[in-house]
C-alpha atoms as a PDB file:
ATOM      1  CA  UNK A   1      24.536  78.793  -7.734  1.00  0.00           C
ATOM      2  CA  UNK A   2      22.854  75.623  -8.517  1.00  0.00           C
ATOM      3  CA  UNK A   3      21.567  75.010 -11.908  1.00  0.00           C
ATOM      4  CA  UNK A   4      17.895  76.552 -12.452  1.00  0.00           C
ATOM      5  CA  UNK A   5      15.443  74.050 -14.568  1.00  0.00           C
ATOM      6  CA  UNK A   6      11.990  74.648 -16.135  1.00  0.00           C
ATOM      7  CA  UNK A   7       9.853  71.402 -16.610  1.00  0.00           C
ATOM      8  CA  UNK A   8       7.034  71.368 -19.020  1.00  0.00           C
ATOM      9  CA  UNK A   9       5.100  68.213 -18.344  1.00  0.00           C
ATOM     10  CA  UNK A  10       1.411  67.590 -18.890  1.00  0.00           C
ATOM     11  CA  UNK A  11       1.085  65.083 -16.444  1.00  0.00           C
ATOM     12  CA  UNK A  12       0.747  66.893 -13.000  1.00  0.00           C
ATOM     13  CA  UNK A  13       1.747  64.023 -10.860  1.00  0.00           C
ATOM     14  CA  UNK A  14       4.851  63.137 -12.829  1.00  0.00           C
ATOM     15  CA  UNK A  15       5.832  67.068 -13.214  1.00  0.00           C
ATOM     16  CA  UNK A  16       5.841  67.040  -9.360  1.00  0.00           C
ATOM     17  CA  UNK A  17       7.651  64.073  -8.631  1.00  0.00           C
ATOM     18  CA  UNK A  18      10.311  64.894 -11.369  1.00  0.00           C
ATOM     19  CA  UNK A  19      10.573  68.401  -9.720  1.00  0.00           C
ATOM     20  CA  UNK A  20      10.741  67.122  -5.961  1.00  0.00           C
ATOM     21  CA  UNK A  21      13.511  64.484  -6.979  1.00  0.00           C
ATOM     22  CA  UNK A  22      15.591  67.286  -8.826  1.00  0.00           C
ATOM     23  CA  UNK A  23      15.282  69.675  -6.041  1.00  0.00           C
ATOM     24  CA  UNK A  24      16.862  67.036  -3.748  1.00  0.00           C
ATOM     25  CA  UNK A  25      19.822  67.152  -5.509  1.00  0.00           C
ATOM     26  CA  UNK A  26      22.047  69.944  -4.034  1.00  0.00           C
ATOM     27  CA  UNK A  27      23.018  71.786  -7.309  1.00  0.00           C
ATOM     28  CA  UNK A  28      19.900  71.587  -9.324  1.00  0.00           C
ATOM     29  CA  UNK A  29      16.776  73.545  -8.408  1.00  0.00           C
ATOM     30  CA  UNK A  30      13.218  73.869 -10.064  1.00  0.00           C
ATOM     31  CA  UNK A  31      12.385  77.420 -10.794  1.00  0.00           C
ATOM     32  CA  UNK A  32       9.218  76.757 -12.797  1.00  0.00           C
ATOM     33  CA  UNK A  33       6.851  74.047 -14.030  1.00  0.00           C
ATOM     34  CA  UNK A  34       4.084  74.141 -16.567  1.00  0.00           C
ATOM     35  CA  UNK A  35       1.508  71.644 -17.846  1.00  0.00           C
ATOM     36  CA  UNK A  36       0.950  73.124 -21.506  1.00  0.00           C
ATOM     37  CA  UNK A  37       3.151  73.880 -24.597  1.00  0.00           C
ATOM     38  CA  UNK A  38       1.719  77.275 -25.071  1.00  0.00           C
ATOM     39  CA  UNK A  39       3.022  78.264 -21.454  1.00  0.00           C
ATOM     40  CA  UNK A  40       6.515  77.510 -21.986  1.00  0.00           C
ATOM     41  CA  UNK A  41       8.018  80.678 -23.547  1.00  0.00           C
ATOM     42  CA  UNK A  42       6.514  82.922 -21.207  1.00  0.00           C
ATOM     43  CA  UNK A  43       7.643  80.757 -18.006  1.00  0.00           C
ATOM     44  CA  UNK A  44      11.237  80.462 -19.507  1.00  0.00           C
ATOM     45  CA  UNK A  45      11.549  84.318 -20.528  1.00  0.00           C
ATOM     46  CA  UNK A  46       9.940  85.036 -16.795  1.00  0.00           C
ATOM     47  CA  UNK A  47      12.551  82.487 -14.869  1.00  0.00           C
ATOM     48  CA  UNK A  48      15.687  82.443 -17.305  1.00  0.00           C
ATOM     49  CA  UNK A  49      16.331  78.769 -16.701  1.00  0.00           C
ATOM     50  CA  UNK A  50      19.843  77.079 -17.487  1.00  0.00           C
ATOM     51  CA  UNK A  51      17.837  73.735 -18.575  1.00  0.00           C
ATOM     52  CA  UNK A  52      14.381  73.306 -19.851  1.00  0.00           C
ATOM     53  CA  UNK A  53      12.961  69.864 -19.935  1.00  0.00           C
ATOM     54  CA  UNK A  54      10.606  69.462 -22.593  1.00  0.00           C
ATOM     55  CA  UNK A  55       7.928  66.741 -22.999  1.00  0.00           C
ATOM     56  CA  UNK A  56       6.769  66.496 -26.494  1.00  0.00           C
ATOM     57  CA  UNK A  57       3.084  65.574 -26.413  1.00  0.00           C
ATOM     58  CA  UNK A  58       1.992  68.917 -24.487  1.00  0.00           C
ATOM     59  CA  UNK A  59      -1.505  70.464 -25.040  1.00  0.00           C
ATOM     60  CA  UNK A  60      -1.306  73.910 -26.959  1.00  0.00           C
ATOM     61  CA  UNK A  61       2.060  73.536 -28.555  1.00  0.00           C
ATOM     62  CA  UNK A  62       4.244  70.352 -29.128  1.00  0.00           C
ATOM     63  CA  UNK A  63       7.461  70.061 -27.436  1.00  0.00           C
ATOM     64  CA  UNK A  64       9.233  69.424 -30.544  1.00  0.00           C
ATOM     65  CA  UNK A  65       8.022  72.860 -32.142  1.00  0.00           C
ATOM     66  CA  UNK A  66       9.006  74.472 -29.016  1.00  0.00           C
ATOM     67  CA  UNK A  67      13.170  73.288 -29.075  1.00  0.00           C
ATOM     68  CA  UNK A  68      13.766  75.906 -31.599  1.00  0.00           C
ATOM     69  CA  UNK A  69      11.720  78.908 -30.234  1.00  0.00           C
ATOM     70  CA  UNK A  70      13.409  78.415 -26.752  1.00  0.00           C
ATOM     71  CA  UNK A  71      16.879  77.964 -28.308  1.00  0.00           C
ATOM     72  CA  UNK A  72      16.126  81.266 -30.151  1.00  0.00           C
ATOM     73  CA  UNK A  73      14.490  82.802 -27.101  1.00  0.00           C
ATOM     74  CA  UNK A  74      17.309  81.984 -24.411  1.00  0.00           C
ATOM     75  CA  UNK A  75      20.630  81.252 -26.404  1.00  0.00           C
ATOM     76  CA  UNK A  76      22.455  80.227 -23.164  1.00  0.00           C
ATOM     77  CA  UNK A  77      19.599  78.033 -22.027  1.00  0.00           C
ATOM     78  CA  UNK A  78      19.962  74.140 -22.726  1.00  0.00           C
ATOM     79  CA  UNK A  79      16.938  72.404 -24.043  1.00  0.00           C
ATOM     80  CA  UNK A  80      16.537  68.439 -23.014  1.00  0.00           C
ATOM     81  CA  UNK A  81      13.405  66.705 -24.419  1.00  0.00           C
ATOM     82  CA  UNK A  82      12.145  63.999 -21.941  1.00  0.00           C
ATOM     83  CA  UNK A  83       9.574  61.805 -23.582  1.00  0.00           C
ATOM     84  CA  UNK A  84       7.513  58.710 -23.418  1.00  0.00           C
ATOM     85  CA  UNK A  85       7.781  58.634 -27.193  1.00  0.00           C
ATOM     86  CA  UNK A  86      11.043  57.337 -27.871  1.00  0.00           C
ATOM     87  CA  UNK A  87      10.852  57.542 -31.820  1.00  0.00           C
ATOM     88  CA  UNK A  88      14.063  57.922 -34.006  1.00  0.00           C
ATOM     89  CA  UNK A  89      12.179  60.604 -36.211  1.00  0.00           C
ATOM     90  CA  UNK A  90      11.301  62.757 -33.126  1.00  0.00           C
ATOM     91  CA  UNK A  91      15.031  62.283 -32.088  1.00  0.00           C
ATOM     92  CA  UNK A  92      16.229  63.778 -35.478  1.00  0.00           C
ATOM     93  CA  UNK A  93      13.845  66.446 -35.406  1.00  0.00           C
ATOM     94  CA  UNK A  94      14.819  67.786 -31.735  1.00  0.00           C
ATOM     95  CA  UNK A  95      18.377  67.731 -32.351  1.00  0.00           C
ATOM     96  CA  UNK A  96      18.056  69.373 -35.821  1.00  0.00           C
ATOM     97  CA  UNK A  97      16.069  72.063 -33.926  1.00  0.00           C
ATOM     98  CA  UNK A  98      19.005  72.457 -31.359  1.00  0.00           C
ATOM     99  CA  UNK A  99      17.974  70.312 -28.294  1.00  0.00           C
ATOM    100  CA  UNK A 100      21.024  69.177 -26.291  1.00  0.00           C
ATOM    101  CA  UNK A 101      19.483  65.886 -24.864  1.00  0.00           C
ATOM    102  CA  UNK A 102      16.891  63.146 -25.766  1.00  0.00           C
ATOM    103  CA  UNK A 103      16.068  61.029 -22.766  1.00  0.00           C
ATOM    104  CA  UNK A 104      13.068  58.773 -22.216  1.00  0.00           C
ATOM    105  CA  UNK A 105      10.697  58.666 -19.010  1.00  0.00           C
ATOM    106  CA  UNK A 106      11.449  54.904 -18.523  1.00  0.00           C
ATOM    107  CA  UNK A 107      15.118  56.288 -17.448  1.00  0.00           C
ATOM    108  CA  UNK A 108      15.727  56.659 -13.678  1.00  0.00           C
ATOM    109  CA  UNK A 109      15.654  60.074 -12.221  1.00  0.00           C
ATOM    110  CA  UNK A 110      18.957  59.902 -10.982  1.00  0.00           C
ATOM    111  CA  UNK A 111      20.105  59.370 -14.748  1.00  0.00           C
ATOM    112  CA  UNK A 112      18.262  62.490 -15.674  1.00  0.00           C
ATOM    113  CA  UNK A 113      20.045  64.824 -13.151  1.00  0.00           C
ATOM    114  CA  UNK A 114      23.279  63.309 -14.348  1.00  0.00           C
ATOM    115  CA  UNK A 115      22.291  63.965 -17.990  1.00  0.00           C
ATOM    116  CA  UNK A 116      21.700  67.398 -16.890  1.00  0.00           C
ATOM    117  CA  UNK A 117      25.134  67.912 -15.711  1.00  0.00           C
ATOM    118  CA  UNK A 118      26.463  66.369 -18.714  1.00  0.00           C
ATOM    119  CA  UNK A 119      24.597  68.606 -20.972  1.00  0.00           C
ATOM    120  CA  UNK A 120      25.819  71.711 -19.050  1.00  0.00           C
ATOM    121  CA  UNK A 121      29.332  70.546 -19.382  1.00  0.00           C
ATOM    122  CA  UNK A 122      28.936  70.456 -23.085  1.00  0.00           C
ATOM    123  CA  UNK A 123      27.989  67.133 -24.045  1.00  0.00           C
ATOM    124  CA  UNK A 124      25.149  66.017 -26.305  1.00  0.00           C
ATOM    125  CA  UNK A 125      23.069  63.306 -24.149  1.00  0.00           C
ATOM    126  CA  UNK A 126      20.835  60.848 -26.105  1.00  0.00           C
ATOM    127  CA  UNK A 127      19.442  57.459 -24.720  1.00  0.00           C
ATOM    128  CA  UNK A 128      21.675  54.802 -26.057  1.00  0.00           C
ATOM    129  CA  UNK A 129      19.121  52.625 -27.592  1.00  0.00           C
ATOM    130  CA  UNK A 130      17.290  55.367 -29.641  1.00  0.00           C
ATOM    131  CA  UNK A 131      20.387  56.545 -30.578  1.00  0.00           C
ATOM    132  CA  UNK A 132      20.959  53.354 -32.333  1.00  0.00           C
ATOM    133  CA  UNK A 133      17.512  53.118 -33.640  1.00  0.00           C
ATOM    134  CA  UNK A 134      18.099  56.374 -35.154  1.00  0.00           C
ATOM    135  CA  UNK A 135      21.394  55.459 -37.031  1.00  0.00           C
ATOM    136  CA  UNK A 136      19.587  52.764 -38.745  1.00  0.00           C
ATOM    137  CA  UNK A 137      16.158  54.603 -39.486  1.00  0.00           C
ATOM    138  CA  UNK A 138      15.487  56.107 -42.745  1.00  0.00           C
ATOM    139  CA  UNK A 139      15.125  60.075 -42.655  1.00  0.00           C
ATOM    140  CA  UNK A 140      11.769  61.661 -42.933  1.00  0.00           C
ATOM    141  CA  UNK A 141      10.805  62.075 -46.608  1.00  0.00           C
ATOM    142  CA  UNK A 142       7.944  64.580 -46.046  1.00  0.00           C
ATOM    143  CA  UNK A 143       8.245  68.251 -46.766  1.00  0.00           C
ATOM    144  CA  UNK A 144       7.084  70.709 -44.046  1.00  0.00           C
ATOM    145  CA  UNK A 145       4.140  71.343 -45.993  1.00  0.00           C
ATOM    146  CA  UNK A 146       3.155  67.632 -46.283  1.00  0.00           C
ATOM    147  CA  UNK A 147       3.667  67.090 -42.604  1.00  0.00           C
ATOM    148  CA  UNK A 148       1.277  69.929 -41.895  1.00  0.00           C
ATOM    149  CA  UNK A 149      -1.466  68.867 -44.332  1.00  0.00           C
ATOM    150  CA  UNK A 150      -1.288  65.404 -43.231  1.00  0.00           C
ATOM    151  CA  UNK A 151      -1.340  66.158 -39.482  1.00  0.00           C
ATOM    152  CA  UNK A 152      -4.574  68.296 -40.148  1.00  0.00           C
ATOM    153  CA  UNK A 153      -6.213  65.114 -41.653  1.00  0.00           C
ATOM    154  CA  UNK A 154      -6.629  63.647 -38.465  1.00  0.00           C
ATOM    155  CA  UNK A 155      -9.859  62.618 -36.884  1.00  0.00           C
ATOM    156  CA  UNK A 156     -11.427  62.312 -40.419  1.00  0.00           C
ATOM    157  CA  UNK A 157     -11.266  66.003 -41.256  1.00  0.00           C
ATOM    158  CA  UNK A 158     -12.564  66.457 -44.825  1.00  0.00           C
ATOM    159  CA  UNK A 159     -10.559  68.074 -48.168  1.00  0.00           C
ATOM    160  CA  UNK A 160     -12.455  71.245 -47.267  1.00  0.00           C
ATOM    161  CA  UNK A 161     -11.703  71.236 -43.372  1.00  0.00           C
ATOM    162  CA  UNK A 162      -7.998  71.006 -44.019  1.00  0.00           C
ATOM    163  CA  UNK A 163      -8.131  73.504 -46.781  1.00  0.00           C
ATOM    164  CA  UNK A 164     -10.053  75.799 -44.662  1.00  0.00           C
ATOM    165  CA  UNK A 165      -7.717  75.535 -41.571  1.00  0.00           C
ATOM    166  CA  UNK A 166      -4.674  75.794 -43.502  1.00  0.00           C
ATOM    167  CA  UNK A 167      -5.852  78.509 -45.877  1.00  0.00           C
ATOM    168  CA  UNK A 168      -4.949  76.576 -48.716  1.00  0.00           C
ATOM    169  CA  UNK A 169      -7.137  75.660 -51.957  1.00  0.00           C
ATOM    170  CA  UNK A 170      -8.824  72.257 -51.875  1.00  0.00           C
ATOM    171  CA  UNK A 171      -6.832  70.884 -55.014  1.00  0.00           C
ATOM    172  CA  UNK A 172      -3.442  71.892 -53.034  1.00  0.00           C
ATOM    173  CA  UNK A 173      -4.477  69.830 -50.182  1.00  0.00           C
ATOM    174  CA  UNK A 174      -5.357  66.817 -52.394  1.00  0.00           C
ATOM    175  CA  UNK A 175      -1.830  67.236 -54.136  1.00  0.00           C
ATOM    176  CA  UNK A 176      -0.006  67.298 -50.762  1.00  0.00           C
ATOM    177  CA  UNK A 177      -1.886  64.489 -49.341  1.00  0.00           C
ATOM    178  CA  UNK A 178      -1.256  62.552 -52.583  1.00  0.00           C
ATOM    179  CA  UNK A 179       2.507  63.412 -52.429  1.00  0.00           C
ATOM    180  CA  UNK A 180       2.757  62.337 -48.647  1.00  0.00           C
ATOM    181  CA  UNK A 181       0.859  59.069 -49.417  1.00  0.00           C
ATOM    182  CA  UNK A 182       3.534  57.974 -52.280  1.00  0.00           C
ATOM    183  CA  UNK A 183       6.446  58.955 -50.076  1.00  0.00           C
ATOM    184  CA  UNK A 184       5.350  56.948 -47.399  1.00  0.00           C
ATOM    185  CA  UNK A 185       4.287  53.806 -49.782  1.00  0.00           C
ATOM    186  CA  UNK A 186       0.959  53.748 -47.932  1.00  0.00           C
ATOM    187  CA  UNK A 187      -2.511  53.271 -49.834  1.00  0.00           C
ATOM    188  CA  UNK A 188      -4.459  56.309 -48.348  1.00  0.00           C
ATOM    189  CA  UNK A 189      -4.035  59.296 -46.210  1.00  0.00           C
ATOM    190  CA  UNK A 190      -5.265  57.276 -43.081  1.00  0.00           C
ATOM    191  CA  UNK A 191      -2.177  54.734 -43.620  1.00  0.00           C
ATOM    192  CA  UNK A 192       0.041  57.312 -44.157  1.00  0.00           C
ATOM    193  CA  UNK A 193      -0.716  59.319 -40.874  1.00  0.00           C
ATOM    194  CA  UNK A 194      -0.564  56.146 -39.060  1.00  0.00           C
ATOM    195  CA  UNK A 195       2.980  55.335 -40.447  1.00  0.00           C
ATOM    196  CA  UNK A 196       4.211  58.910 -40.206  1.00  0.00           C
ATOM    197  CA  UNK A 197       3.182  58.879 -36.649  1.00  0.00           C
ATOM    198  CA  UNK A 198       4.719  55.520 -35.924  1.00  0.00           C
ATOM    199  CA  UNK A 199       8.351  56.767 -37.299  1.00  0.00           C
ATOM    200  CA  UNK A 200       8.005  60.326 -35.623  1.00  0.00           C
ATOM    201  CA  UNK A 201       7.923  62.023 -38.787  1.00  0.00           C
ATOM    202  CA  UNK A 202       4.874  64.363 -37.677  1.00  0.00           C
END
């Protein structure tokens, strides 16, 4: 039986191209493809794939947040993150959540097929350059709540906006933002947000 694959990728043309190329491999078959993060779990439960290929920047739900959910919902399924955003912080989060691979979209599709086979053989497969960067990168200093509050501050959201969205008091929001600014060594929440995104901490 061929290895079954679910693809989660928001760019329709790229999603279709990956599916077409993987289907050309005799031992691989794509059983589902979705364009939104909030469609992944339902599609995975319906098709029970051997492998889920997850993009990170998905509408509806982040691929990084889905890694652990897929692993828990389908314990025998291998999750491989395939992303444009090759950041050490993203790699750390994905691996800690249970991903079996972390690849970047610049890699040739033949390498993707080979990586799928290696993961199913029990290996952990990571883009070599990104692995080297991750080894030298500093760990994420932000707590889960600090990340959540900092992420919610995007787009010029006010303290009141963030507090309402996260069901926190304004003073608590200020405390979390102050802690995030201090831990990132930046001057304000805009700089903290930018730095945290660049490092893959959010």
